[in-house]
Amino acid sequence: MREYCKGQIAHYKIPRYIRFVDSFPMTVTGKIQKFLIRQRMKEELGLDEAKTA
Protein backbone atom coordinates (compact mmCIF):
# COMPACT_ATOMS: atom_id res chain seq x y z
CA MET A 1 0.00 0.00 0.00
CA ARG A 2 2.77 2.43 0.94
CA GLU A 3 4.79 1.59 -2.18
CA TYR A 4 1.79 2.38 -4.36
CA CYS A 5 1.20 5.67 -2.53
CA LYS A 6 4.83 6.76 -3.02
CA GLY A 7 4.30 7.15 -6.74
CA GLN A 8 0.84 8.68 -6.48
CA ILE A 9 0.71 11.27 -3.68
CA ALA A 10 3.00 13.60 -1.74
CA HIS A 11 5.23 11.92 0.85
CA TYR A 12 3.62 13.74 3.77
CA LYS A 13 0.18 12.38 2.83
CA ILE A 14 1.26 8.72 3.00
CA PRO A 15 -0.29 7.13 6.10
CA ARG A 16 2.07 5.92 8.82
CA TYR A 17 -0.30 3.19 9.95
CA ILE A 18 -2.67 1.11 7.84
CA ARG A 19 -5.29 -1.21 9.28
CA PHE A 20 -7.97 -3.10 7.38
CA VAL A 21 -11.35 -3.52 9.07
CA ASP A 22 -14.57 -5.29 8.16
CA SER A 23 -16.83 -2.38 9.09
CA PHE A 24 -16.77 1.16 10.44
CA PRO A 25 -18.63 2.46 13.50
CA MET A 26 -21.68 4.28 12.13
CA THR A 27 -24.28 6.68 13.47
CA VAL A 28 -27.98 5.96 13.05
CA THR A 29 -27.98 8.30 10.04
CA GLY A 30 -25.19 6.32 8.34
CA LYS A 31 -22.22 8.61 8.96
CA ILE A 32 -18.84 7.17 9.97
CA GLN A 33 -17.88 7.98 13.56
CA LYS A 34 -14.29 9.03 12.89
CA PHE A 35 -13.68 10.02 16.50
CA LEU A 36 -14.23 6.40 17.57
CA ILE A 37 -11.77 5.17 14.96
CA ARG A 38 -9.15 7.67 16.17
CA GLN A 39 -9.77 6.70 19.80
CA ARG A 40 -9.41 2.96 19.10
CA MET A 41 -6.22 3.43 17.10
CA LYS A 42 -4.66 5.59 19.81
CA GLU A 43 -5.37 2.84 22.32
CA GLU A 44 -4.07 0.05 20.06
CA LEU A 45 -0.91 1.89 19.05
CA GLY A 46 -0.24 3.42 22.46
CA LEU A 47 -0.22 6.96 21.10
CA ASP A 48 -0.90 10.02 23.27
CA GLU A 49 -2.09 12.70 20.86
CA ALA A 50 -1.88 13.15 17.13
CA LYS A 51 1.25 15.14 16.32
CA THR A 52 0.98 17.94 13.79
CA ALA A 53 3.59 20.21 12.31
PDB file of N, CA and C in Angstrom:
ATOM      1  N   MET A   1       0.830  -1.175   0.000  1.00  0.00           N
ATOM      2  CA  MET A   1       0.000   0.000   0.000  1.00  0.00           C
ATOM      3  C   MET A   1       0.882   1.249   0.000  1.00  0.00           C
ATOM      4  N   ARG A   2       1.885   1.259   0.872  1.00  0.00           N
ATOM      5  CA  ARG A   2       2.766   2.430   0.936  1.00  0.00           C
ATOM      6  C   ARG A   2       3.562   2.611  -0.352  1.00  0.00           C
ATOM      7  N   GLU A   3       4.025   1.505  -0.933  1.00  0.00           N
ATOM      8  CA  GLU A   3       4.786   1.591  -2.181  1.00  0.00           C
ATOM      9  C   GLU A   3       3.941   2.199  -3.287  1.00  0.00           C
ATOM     10  N   TYR A   4       2.686   1.818  -3.357  1.00  0.00           N
ATOM     11  CA  TYR A   4       1.790   2.384  -4.362  1.00  0.00           C
ATOM     12  C   TYR A   4       1.609   3.878  -4.119  1.00  0.00           C
ATOM     13  N   CYS A   5       1.421   4.268  -2.867  1.00  0.00           N
ATOM     14  CA  CYS A   5       1.205   5.673  -2.529  1.00  0.00           C
ATOM     15  C   CYS A   5       2.409   6.538  -2.880  1.00  0.00           C
ATOM     16  N   LYS A   6       3.619   5.978  -2.747  1.00  0.00           N
ATOM     17  CA  LYS A   6       4.827   6.759  -3.018  1.00  0.00           C
ATOM     18  C   LYS A   6       4.832   7.353  -4.417  1.00  0.00           C
ATOM     19  N   GLY A   7       4.315   6.644  -5.383  1.00  0.00           N
ATOM     20  CA  GLY A   7       4.304   7.154  -6.743  1.00  0.00           C
ATOM     21  C   GLY A   7       3.072   7.957  -7.097  1.00  0.00           C
ATOM     22  N   GLN A   8       2.113   8.053  -6.162  1.00  0.00           N
ATOM     23  CA  GLN A   8       0.837   8.679  -6.477  1.00  0.00           C
ATOM     24  C   GLN A   8       0.567   9.993  -5.741  1.00  0.00           C
ATOM     25  N   ILE A   9       1.020  10.088  -4.490  1.00  0.00           N
ATOM     26  CA  ILE A   9       0.707  11.268  -3.681  1.00  0.00           C
ATOM     27  C   ILE A   9       1.969  11.787  -2.994  1.00  0.00           C
ATOM     28  N   ALA A  10       1.869  12.979  -2.436  1.00  0.00           N
ATOM     29  CA  ALA A  10       3.004  13.598  -1.744  1.00  0.00           C
ATOM     30  C   ALA A  10       3.412  12.756  -0.534  1.00  0.00           C
ATOM     31  N   HIS A  11       4.699  12.761  -0.220  1.00  0.00           N
ATOM     32  CA  HIS A  11       5.233  11.916   0.851  1.00  0.00           C
ATOM     33  C   HIS A  11       4.586  12.188   2.203  1.00  0.00           C
ATOM     34  N   TYR A  12       4.202  13.427   2.475  1.00  0.00           N
ATOM     35  CA  TYR A  12       3.617  13.745   3.771  1.00  0.00           C
ATOM     36  C   TYR A  12       2.161  13.294   3.885  1.00  0.00           C
ATOM     37  N   LYS A  13       1.557  12.875   2.798  1.00  0.00           N
ATOM     38  CA  LYS A  13       0.181  12.376   2.828  1.00  0.00           C
ATOM     39  C   LYS A  13       0.106  10.858   2.972  1.00  0.00           C
ATOM     40  N   ILE A  14       1.235  10.183   2.886  1.00  0.00           N
ATOM     41  CA  ILE A  14       1.261   8.725   2.996  1.00  0.00           C
ATOM     42  C   ILE A  14       1.011   8.345   4.455  1.00  0.00           C
ATOM     43  N   PRO A  15       0.029   7.483   4.715  1.00  0.00           N
ATOM     44  CA  PRO A  15      -0.287   7.127   6.104  1.00  0.00           C
ATOM     45  C   PRO A  15       0.843   6.354   6.777  1.00  0.00           C
ATOM     46  N   ARG A  16       1.055   6.639   8.050  1.00  0.00           N
ATOM     47  CA  ARG A  16       2.073   5.918   8.821  1.00  0.00           C
ATOM     48  C   ARG A  16       1.572   4.538   9.208  1.00  0.00           C
ATOM     49  N   TYR A  17       0.293   4.446   9.506  1.00  0.00           N
ATOM     50  CA  TYR A  17      -0.299   3.188   9.950  1.00  0.00           C
ATOM     51  C   TYR A  17      -1.473   2.847   9.042  1.00  0.00           C
ATOM     52  N   ILE A  18      -1.569   1.575   8.677  1.00  0.00           N
ATOM     53  CA  ILE A  18      -2.672   1.107   7.843  1.00  0.00           C
ATOM     54  C   ILE A  18      -3.288  -0.103   8.526  1.00  0.00           C
ATOM     55  N   ARG A  19      -4.588  -0.079   8.669  1.00  0.00           N
ATOM     56  CA  ARG A  19      -5.293  -1.208   9.282  1.00  0.00           C
ATOM     57  C   ARG A  19      -6.558  -1.465   8.481  1.00  0.00           C
ATOM     58  N   PHE A  20      -6.773  -2.712   8.121  1.00  0.00           N
ATOM     59  CA  PHE A  20      -7.965  -3.097   7.382  1.00  0.00           C
ATOM     60  C   PHE A  20      -9.019  -3.593   8.364  1.00  0.00           C
ATOM     61  N   VAL A  21     -10.243  -3.128   8.194  1.00  0.00           N
ATOM     62  CA  VAL A  21     -11.346  -3.521   9.070  1.00  0.00           C
ATOM     63  C   VAL A  21     -12.520  -4.012   8.232  1.00  0.00           C
ATOM     64  N   ASP A  22     -13.391  -4.783   8.859  1.00  0.00           N
ATOM     65  CA  ASP A  22     -14.572  -5.295   8.165  1.00  0.00           C
ATOM     66  C   ASP A  22     -15.679  -4.255   8.076  1.00  0.00           C
ATOM     67  N   SER A  23     -15.782  -3.401   9.096  1.00  0.00           N
ATOM     68  CA  SER A  23     -16.826  -2.380   9.091  1.00  0.00           C
ATOM     69  C   SER A  23     -16.377  -1.184   9.929  1.00  0.00           C
ATOM     70  N   PHE A  24     -17.045  -0.061   9.703  1.00  0.00           N
ATOM     71  CA  PHE A  24     -16.768   1.164  10.439  1.00  0.00           C
ATOM     72  C   PHE A  24     -17.882   1.413  11.448  1.00  0.00           C
ATOM     73  N   PRO A  25     -17.563   2.066  12.583  1.00  0.00           N
ATOM     74  CA  PRO A  25     -18.633   2.455  13.503  1.00  0.00           C
ATOM     75  C   PRO A  25     -19.473   3.554  12.846  1.00  0.00           C
ATOM     76  N   MET A  26     -20.784   3.351  12.830  1.00  0.00           N
ATOM     77  CA  MET A  26     -21.677   4.276  12.134  1.00  0.00           C
ATOM     78  C   MET A  26     -22.696   4.879  13.098  1.00  0.00           C
ATOM     79  N   THR A  27     -23.171   6.073  12.738  1.00  0.00           N
ATOM     80  CA  THR A  27     -24.281   6.682  13.468  1.00  0.00           C
ATOM     81  C   THR A  27     -25.580   6.109  12.915  1.00  0.00           C
ATOM     82  N   VAL A  28     -26.692   6.445  13.541  1.00  0.00           N
ATOM     83  CA  VAL A  28     -27.981   5.956  13.053  1.00  0.00           C
ATOM     84  C   VAL A  28     -28.331   6.546  11.692  1.00  0.00           C
ATOM     85  N   THR A  29     -27.717   7.682  11.344  1.00  0.00           N
ATOM     86  CA  THR A  29     -27.978   8.298  10.042  1.00  0.00           C
ATOM     87  C   THR A  29     -27.011   7.818   8.970  1.00  0.00           C
ATOM     88  N   GLY A  30     -26.087   6.915   9.327  1.00  0.00           N
ATOM     89  CA  GLY A  30     -25.192   6.325   8.341  1.00  0.00           C
ATOM     90  C   GLY A  30     -23.851   7.013   8.169  1.00  0.00           C
ATOM     91  N   LYS A  31     -23.513   7.933   9.055  1.00  0.00           N
ATOM     92  CA  LYS A  31     -22.219   8.610   8.965  1.00  0.00           C
ATOM     93  C   LYS A  31     -21.174   7.829   9.758  1.00  0.00           C
ATOM     94  N   ILE A  32     -19.936   7.850   9.273  1.00  0.00           N
ATOM     95  CA  ILE A  32     -18.843   7.166   9.965  1.00  0.00           C
ATOM     96  C   ILE A  32     -18.434   7.981  11.189  1.00  0.00           C
ATOM     97  N   GLN A  33     -18.299   7.314  12.321  1.00  0.00           N
ATOM     98  CA  GLN A  33     -17.884   7.976  13.556  1.00  0.00           C
ATOM     99  C   GLN A  33     -16.357   7.966  13.627  1.00  0.00           C
ATOM    100  N   LYS A  34     -15.748   8.965  12.991  1.00  0.00           N
ATOM    101  CA  LYS A  34     -14.291   9.028  12.895  1.00  0.00           C
ATOM    102  C   LYS A  34     -13.620   9.170  14.256  1.00  0.00           C
ATOM    103  N   PHE A  35     -14.281   9.849  15.173  1.00  0.00           N
ATOM    104  CA  PHE A  35     -13.679  10.022  16.498  1.00  0.00           C
ATOM    105  C   PHE A  35     -13.490   8.679  17.200  1.00  0.00           C
ATOM    106  N   LEU A  36     -14.390   7.730  16.968  1.00  0.00           N
ATOM    107  CA  LEU A  36     -14.231   6.401  17.567  1.00  0.00           C
ATOM    108  C   LEU A  36     -13.071   5.643  16.934  1.00  0.00           C
ATOM    109  N   ILE A  37     -12.891   5.810  15.640  1.00  0.00           N
ATOM    110  CA  ILE A  37     -11.767   5.167  14.956  1.00  0.00           C
ATOM    111  C   ILE A  37     -10.457   5.715  15.508  1.00  0.00           C
ATOM    112  N   ARG A  38     -10.365   7.047  15.628  1.00  0.00           N
ATOM    113  CA  ARG A  38      -9.151   7.670  16.173  1.00  0.00           C
ATOM    114  C   ARG A  38      -8.872   7.180  17.588  1.00  0.00           C
ATOM    115  N   GLN A  39      -9.918   7.132  18.410  1.00  0.00           N
ATOM    116  CA  GLN A  39      -9.767   6.703  19.800  1.00  0.00           C
ATOM    117  C   GLN A  39      -9.263   5.261  19.878  1.00  0.00           C
ATOM    118  N   ARG A  40      -9.834   4.374  19.092  1.00  0.00           N
ATOM    119  CA  ARG A  40      -9.412   2.964  19.103  1.00  0.00           C
ATOM    120  C   ARG A  40      -7.971   2.812  18.646  1.00  0.00           C
ATOM    121  N   MET A  41      -7.587   3.544  17.609  1.00  0.00           N
ATOM    122  CA  MET A  41      -6.223   3.430  17.099  1.00  0.00           C
ATOM    123  C   MET A  41      -5.212   3.987  18.097  1.00  0.00           C
ATOM    124  N   LYS A  42      -5.549   5.064  18.778  1.00  0.00           N
ATOM    125  CA  LYS A  42      -4.655   5.594  19.813  1.00  0.00           C
ATOM    126  C   LYS A  42      -4.414   4.551  20.893  1.00  0.00           C
ATOM    127  N   GLU A  43      -5.487   3.867  21.289  1.00  0.00           N
ATOM    128  CA  GLU A  43      -5.368   2.837  22.319  1.00  0.00           C
ATOM    129  C   GLU A  43      -4.534   1.656  21.823  1.00  0.00           C
ATOM    130  N   GLU A  44      -4.792   1.198  20.601  1.00  0.00           N
ATOM    131  CA  GLU A  44      -4.072   0.045  20.060  1.00  0.00           C
ATOM    132  C   GLU A  44      -2.597   0.334  19.828  1.00  0.00           C
ATOM    133  N   LEU A  45      -2.288   1.543  19.365  1.00  0.00           N
ATOM    134  CA  LEU A  45      -0.908   1.891  19.048  1.00  0.00           C
ATOM    135  C   LEU A  45      -0.165   2.492  20.232  1.00  0.00           C
ATOM    136  N   GLY A  46      -0.878   2.827  21.291  1.00  0.00           N
ATOM    137  CA  GLY A  46      -0.242   3.425  22.457  1.00  0.00           C
ATOM    138  C   GLY A  46       0.201   4.851  22.209  1.00  0.00           C
ATOM    139  N   LEU A  47      -0.556   5.578  21.406  1.00  0.00           N
ATOM    140  CA  LEU A  47      -0.217   6.964  21.100  1.00  0.00           C
ATOM    141  C   LEU A  47      -0.925   7.897  22.068  1.00  0.00           C
ATOM    142  N   ASP A  48      -0.282   9.032  22.383  1.00  0.00           N
ATOM    143  CA  ASP A  48      -0.901  10.020  23.265  1.00  0.00           C
ATOM    144  C   ASP A  48      -1.852  10.904  22.468  1.00  0.00           C
ATOM    145  N   GLU A  49      -1.308  11.777  21.685  1.00  0.00           N
ATOM    146  CA  GLU A  49      -2.088  12.699  20.862  1.00  0.00           C
ATOM    147  C   GLU A  49      -1.528  12.691  19.458  1.00  0.00           C
ATOM    148  N   ALA A  50      -2.352  13.044  18.506  1.00  0.00           N
ATOM    149  CA  ALA A  50      -1.881  13.151  17.128  1.00  0.00           C
ATOM    150  C   ALA A  50      -0.910  14.319  17.041  1.00  0.00           C
ATOM    151  N   LYS A  51       0.236  14.094  16.438  1.00  0.00           N
ATOM    152  CA  LYS A  51       1.250  15.138  16.321  1.00  0.00           C
ATOM    153  C   LYS A  51       1.097  15.843  14.982  1.00  0.00           C
ATOM    154  N   THR A  52       1.071  17.162  15.022  1.00  0.00           N
ATOM    155  CA  THR A  52       0.980  17.939  13.795  1.00  0.00           C
ATOM    156  C   THR A  52       2.170  18.870  13.708  1.00  0.00           C
ATOM    157  N   ALA A  53       2.438  19.336  12.525  1.00  0.00           N
ATOM    158  CA  ALA A  53       3.591  20.214  12.309  1.00  0.00           C
ATOM    159  C   ALA A  53       3.305  21.618  12.746  1.00  0.00           C
TER     160      ALA A  53
END
